[in-house]
Amino acid sequence: MYGVLIFFHLLVSVVLVLVVLVQQPQKGGMATILGGGESVFGGGGAAPFMAKVTTGLAVTFMLTALGLVLVGARLTRPSVLPRPTPAQPTPAQPGPGPLGD
């Protein structure tokens, strides 16, 4: 589940970056390289369509980020109690000396 969510989040983030780069700013941009988008998106241009796509992708990006936080927190839930330490072996008592004391 976590891996699928990460993949989807990365996919949405790359598409969001590309959509933002294609949008036409006030005086041109990468959208002018692709023909301005007027013939593809109708007479109104690409601005309203691309704004809606950007909004949808931004909301999806935020939801996947929130989902990653929630799933990640559930996977690594910290304990309130301290972890038990392994018992330390007691040091061996010295035996009788070589002379049998």
Protein backbone atom coordinates (compact mmCIF):
# COMPACT_ATOMS: atom_id res chain seq x y z
CA MET A 1 0.00 0.00 0.00
CA TYR A 2 2.78 2.38 0.96
CA GLY A 3 4.74 1.68 -2.23
CA VAL A 4 1.70 2.21 -4.43
CA LEU A 5 0.99 5.50 -2.69
CA ILE A 6 4.59 6.66 -3.17
CA PHE A 7 4.46 5.75 -6.87
CA PHE A 8 1.17 7.62 -7.35
CA HIS A 9 2.52 10.64 -5.43
CA LEU A 10 5.64 10.79 -7.61
CA LEU A 11 3.56 10.44 -10.76
CA VAL A 12 1.24 13.26 -9.71
CA SER A 13 4.18 15.49 -8.79
CA VAL A 14 5.89 15.01 -12.18
CA VAL A 15 2.64 15.67 -14.09
CA LEU A 16 1.98 18.73 -11.91
CA VAL A 17 5.39 20.17 -12.73
CA LEU A 18 4.84 19.57 -16.44
CA VAL A 19 1.38 21.16 -16.39
CA VAL A 20 2.70 24.23 -14.59
CA LEU A 21 5.52 24.57 -17.12
CA VAL A 22 3.11 24.30 -20.06
CA GLN A 23 0.78 27.00 -18.74
CA GLN A 24 0.89 30.27 -20.55
CA PRO A 25 2.10 33.11 -18.35
CA GLN A 26 1.23 36.75 -18.98
CA LYS A 27 3.61 37.09 -21.95
CA GLY A 28 4.15 33.63 -23.41
CA GLY A 29 6.08 30.68 -22.08
CA MET A 30 6.41 27.03 -22.94
CA ALA A 31 2.77 26.99 -24.02
CA THR A 32 3.73 29.15 -27.02
CA ILE A 33 6.14 26.45 -28.14
CA LEU A 34 3.24 24.02 -28.36
CA GLY A 35 1.14 26.41 -30.43
CA GLY A 36 -0.61 28.27 -27.66
CA GLY A 37 -3.25 25.59 -27.24
CA GLU A 38 -6.01 27.59 -28.90
CA SER A 39 -6.85 24.99 -31.53
CA VAL A 40 -6.73 22.11 -29.06
CA PHE A 41 -8.63 23.70 -26.18
CA GLY A 42 -11.11 25.84 -28.11
CA GLY A 43 -11.42 29.59 -28.71
CA GLY A 44 -10.97 30.52 -25.04
CA GLY A 45 -7.45 29.14 -25.02
CA ALA A 46 -5.86 26.73 -22.61
CA ALA A 47 -5.96 29.00 -19.56
CA PRO A 48 -9.25 27.88 -17.95
CA PHE A 49 -8.68 24.21 -18.77
CA MET A 50 -5.08 24.23 -17.56
CA ALA A 51 -6.06 26.09 -14.40
CA LYS A 52 -8.59 23.37 -13.58
CA VAL A 53 -6.05 20.64 -14.31
CA THR A 54 -3.48 22.38 -12.10
CA THR A 55 -5.99 22.74 -9.27
CA GLY A 56 -6.98 19.09 -9.50
CA LEU A 57 -3.38 17.93 -9.54
CA ALA A 58 -2.49 20.19 -6.62
CA VAL A 59 -5.36 18.81 -4.54
CA THR A 60 -4.36 15.25 -5.49
CA PHE A 61 -0.75 16.02 -4.55
CA MET A 62 -1.81 17.28 -1.12
CA LEU A 63 -4.08 14.29 -0.52
CA THR A 64 -1.39 11.79 -1.47
CA ALA A 65 1.10 13.62 0.77
CA LEU A 66 -1.36 13.44 3.65
CA GLY A 67 -1.98 9.76 2.92
CA LEU A 68 1.76 9.07 2.96
CA VAL A 69 2.08 10.75 6.35
CA LEU A 70 -0.81 8.79 7.82
CA VAL A 71 0.27 5.43 6.40
CA GLY A 72 3.89 6.07 7.37
CA ALA A 73 2.90 6.99 10.92
CA ARG A 74 0.86 3.82 11.22
CA LEU A 75 3.79 1.70 9.99
CA THR A 76 6.29 3.15 12.47
CA ARG A 77 4.17 3.82 15.53
CA PRO A 78 6.46 4.80 18.42
CA SER A 79 5.92 3.11 21.73
CA VAL A 80 5.17 5.03 24.90
CA LEU A 81 7.04 2.49 26.99
CA PRO A 82 10.81 2.22 26.76
CA ARG A 83 12.15 -0.80 24.96
CA PRO A 84 13.32 -3.56 27.28
CA THR A 85 17.05 -3.99 27.26
CA PRO A 86 18.44 -7.50 27.03
CA ALA A 87 19.49 -8.93 30.38
CA GLN A 88 23.16 -8.45 31.08
CA PRO A 89 24.93 -11.69 31.97
CA THR A 90 26.43 -11.67 35.43
CA PRO A 91 30.20 -11.79 35.46
CA ALA A 92 31.64 -15.17 36.27
CA GLN A 93 32.89 -15.62 39.83
CA PRO A 94 36.59 -16.27 40.05
CA GLY A 95 37.27 -19.91 40.74
CA PRO A 96 39.94 -21.36 42.96
CA GLY A 97 43.48 -20.44 42.10
CA PRO A 98 46.01 -22.81 40.53
CA LEU A 99 47.15 -23.94 43.97
CA GLY A 100 43.63 -24.74 45.16
CA ASP A 101 43.29 -21.87 47.65
